[in-house]
Protein backbone atom coordinates (compact mmCIF):
# COMPACT_ATOMS: atom_id res chain seq x y z
CA MET A 1 -41.25 -1.48 -1.17
CA ASN A 2 -41.59 1.13 -3.62
CA VAL A 3 -43.93 3.24 -6.05
CA PRO A 4 -43.83 2.84 -8.93
CA SER A 5 -43.70 -0.84 -9.44
CA GLY A 6 -44.27 -2.39 -12.65
CA ILE A 7 -46.26 -5.44 -13.24
CA TRP A 8 -47.04 -7.07 -16.61
CA VAL A 9 -50.01 -9.13 -17.21
CA ASP A 10 -50.66 -10.69 -20.78
CA GLU A 11 -54.58 -10.55 -22.62
CA ASP A 12 -54.85 -13.89 -20.92
CA GLY A 13 -54.62 -12.06 -17.49
CA GLN A 14 -51.52 -14.16 -16.51
CA ILE A 15 -48.55 -12.49 -15.13
CA VAL A 16 -45.82 -12.17 -17.11
CA ARG A 17 -43.17 -10.07 -15.13
CA ILE A 18 -42.94 -8.08 -11.50
CA ASN A 19 -40.85 -5.01 -11.01
CA GLU A 20 -40.07 -2.83 -8.50
CA GLY A 21 -39.11 0.84 -8.88
CA THR A 22 -39.61 0.92 -12.50
CA TYR A 23 -39.11 4.52 -14.12
CA ALA A 24 -39.42 4.43 -17.46
CA GLU A 25 -35.86 6.74 -17.29
CA LEU A 26 -33.37 7.92 -15.57
CA HIS A 27 -33.94 10.85 -12.95
CA ARG A 28 -31.96 12.87 -10.98
CA ILE A 29 -32.13 14.40 -7.84
CA GLY A 30 -28.82 16.18 -6.85
CA THR A 31 -26.55 12.77 -6.64
CA PHE A 32 -29.52 10.65 -5.58
CA GLU A 33 -30.29 8.90 -9.25
CA PHE A 34 -32.86 6.41 -9.73
CA GLY A 35 -34.85 4.69 -12.20
CA THR A 36 -32.82 3.60 -15.76
CA ASP A 37 -33.62 4.27 -19.56
CA GLU A 38 -33.69 0.47 -20.01
CA TYR A 39 -37.34 -0.43 -19.16
CA ALA A 40 -39.32 1.62 -21.02
CA PRO A 41 -37.76 -0.17 -24.47
CA ALA A 42 -38.16 -3.80 -22.64
CA VAL A 43 -41.74 -2.88 -22.10
CA ARG A 44 -41.62 -1.94 -25.76
CA ASP A 45 -40.21 -4.94 -26.94
CA TRP A 46 -42.96 -7.02 -24.99
CA VAL A 47 -45.41 -5.24 -26.92
CA VAL A 48 -43.89 -6.26 -30.17
CA ASN A 49 -43.37 -9.73 -29.53
CA GLY A 50 -45.78 -10.67 -26.33
CA ALA A 51 -44.83 -14.00 -24.97
CA ASP A 52 -41.57 -14.17 -27.54
CA SER A 53 -39.65 -11.54 -25.84
CA ALA A 54 -36.76 -11.50 -24.33
CA TYR A 55 -38.16 -10.00 -21.45
CA VAL A 56 -41.46 -12.31 -20.43
CA TRP A 57 -41.07 -14.46 -17.76
CA THR A 58 -41.76 -18.06 -16.82
CA PRO A 59 -44.85 -18.95 -14.32
CA GLU A 60 -41.77 -20.38 -12.13
CA GLU A 61 -39.96 -17.33 -12.20
CA VAL A 62 -42.41 -14.75 -12.00
CA ALA A 63 -43.20 -17.28 -8.36
CA ALA A 64 -39.61 -16.98 -7.78
CA LYS A 65 -39.34 -13.34 -7.82
CA ILE A 66 -42.58 -13.51 -5.36
CA ARG A 67 -40.51 -12.58 -2.25
CA GLN A 68 -42.07 -14.47 1.23
CA ARG A 69 -43.12 -12.09 3.95
CA THR A 70 -41.86 -13.59 7.16
CA PRO A 71 -44.34 -14.18 10.13
CA GLU A 72 -43.31 -10.47 11.72
CA GLU A 73 -43.41 -8.69 7.91
CA ALA A 74 -47.07 -9.77 8.06
CA ARG A 75 -48.11 -8.43 11.42
CA ALA A 76 -46.16 -5.21 10.35
CA GLU A 77 -49.82 -4.41 7.83
CA PRO A 78 -52.46 -4.92 10.46
CA THR A 79 -50.19 -3.36 12.74
CA PHE A 80 -49.49 -0.05 10.68
CA LYS A 81 -53.19 -0.15 9.85
CA LEU A 82 -54.09 0.36 13.46
CA GLY A 83 -52.08 3.00 13.75
CA VAL A 84 -53.88 4.94 11.17
CA TYR A 85 -56.92 3.50 12.85
CA PHE A 86 -56.42 5.52 16.09
CA PHE A 87 -54.78 8.69 13.91
CA GLU A 88 -57.83 8.91 12.42
CA GLN A 89 -60.12 8.83 15.41
CA GLY A 90 -57.79 11.47 17.20
CA ASP A 91 -55.39 9.57 19.10
CA GLU A 92 -51.76 10.19 17.36
CA THR A 93 -49.68 8.94 20.63
CA LEU A 94 -51.48 5.70 20.46
CA ALA A 95 -51.28 5.96 16.32
CA ARG A 96 -47.51 6.64 16.31
CA THR A 97 -47.03 3.81 19.28
CA TYR A 98 -48.51 0.95 16.45
CA TRP A 99 -46.68 2.70 13.78
CA GLU A 100 -43.23 2.88 15.63
CA ARG A 101 -44.03 -1.51 16.15
CA ALA A 102 -45.23 -1.81 12.54
CA GLU A 103 -41.89 -0.73 11.48
CA GLN A 104 -40.14 -2.82 14.23
CA LEU A 105 -41.26 -5.68 12.71
CA HIS A 106 -40.64 -4.93 9.82
CA PRO A 107 -37.61 -2.42 9.66
CA ASP A 108 -36.69 -2.79 5.67
CA SER A 109 -39.82 -1.56 3.97
CA TRP A 110 -39.85 1.81 3.54
CA ASN A 111 -43.39 2.09 3.14
CA TYR A 112 -43.61 2.54 6.34
CA HIS A 113 -41.44 5.12 8.21
CA ARG A 114 -43.09 7.03 4.58
CA GLN A 115 -46.63 6.85 5.19
CA ASP A 116 -45.72 7.95 8.79
CA TRP A 117 -43.62 10.62 8.33
CA SER A 118 -46.50 11.47 5.75
CA PHE A 119 -48.40 11.75 9.06
CA THR A 120 -45.85 14.74 10.24
CA ALA A 121 -47.85 18.09 10.23
CA ASP A 122 -44.09 19.89 10.99
CA GLY A 123 -42.97 18.92 7.47
CA SER A 124 -40.49 17.11 8.03
CA SER A 125 -41.14 14.05 6.16
CA GLY A 126 -38.29 15.30 3.42
CA VAL A 127 -35.68 15.72 5.66
CA LYS A 128 -35.88 12.24 7.41
CA PHE A 129 -35.94 10.37 3.97
CA ARG A 130 -32.74 12.05 3.40
CA ASP A 131 -31.43 11.15 6.63
CA LYS A 132 -32.44 7.39 6.37
CA ARG A 133 -31.97 7.35 2.56
CA ALA A 134 -28.34 8.61 3.57
CA ASN A 135 -27.90 6.09 6.12
CA LEU A 136 -28.09 3.24 2.98
CA GLY A 137 -24.51 4.21 2.62
CA ASP A 138 -23.43 2.15 -0.37
CA THR A 139 -26.81 0.14 -0.69
CA PRO A 140 -28.93 0.88 -3.48
CA TYR A 141 -32.24 2.11 -2.37
CA TYR A 142 -34.11 0.57 -5.62
CA ALA A 143 -33.20 -2.89 -6.21
CA PRO A 144 -30.96 -3.22 -9.72
CA LEU A 145 -33.47 -3.66 -12.74
CA ASP A 146 -33.51 -7.79 -13.70
CA LEU A 147 -33.80 -7.39 -17.22
CA GLY A 148 -31.82 -10.54 -17.82
CA GLU A 149 -31.15 -9.65 -21.16
CA THR A 150 -30.48 -6.93 -23.70
CA PRO A 151 -32.69 -5.47 -26.08
CA GLY A 152 -32.70 -7.16 -29.73
CA ALA A 153 -30.83 -10.42 -28.24
CA PRO A 154 -31.75 -13.38 -28.43
CA SER A 155 -33.77 -15.02 -25.31
CA GLN A 156 -31.74 -17.43 -23.32
CA ARG A 157 -34.81 -19.45 -23.04
């Protein structure tokens, strides 16, 4: 869903944690807040403690955190890429048809909307983002960071 996303890979090449929306500190733009000051200390804990860090997930936990896409969501990606292809060929009308279809197939993906808006020559992408963001109401834009532990606390494992 988001950039930046964090993936922790250990020295053996194994993924030991995945997170979305992993800004290393709290940011504020007007009333919009994102990020957390808790992520960087978790990374430091992992650097110091390695596999014994309270923030490292088991392979089963990592697998459980990888969200499986629905068939519609899986079709959205190549559909969007077709739109990019047609845009690059100079057919913006056909491109927008594919982009809109990708957004219909996977309406919860902000990536398709943001990428579509990036091709908007009128400079309205920021306005469109703010409007869509405002329509979320109390639903958070970023999922809460799942640290599960606090620095210095013994692991629950």
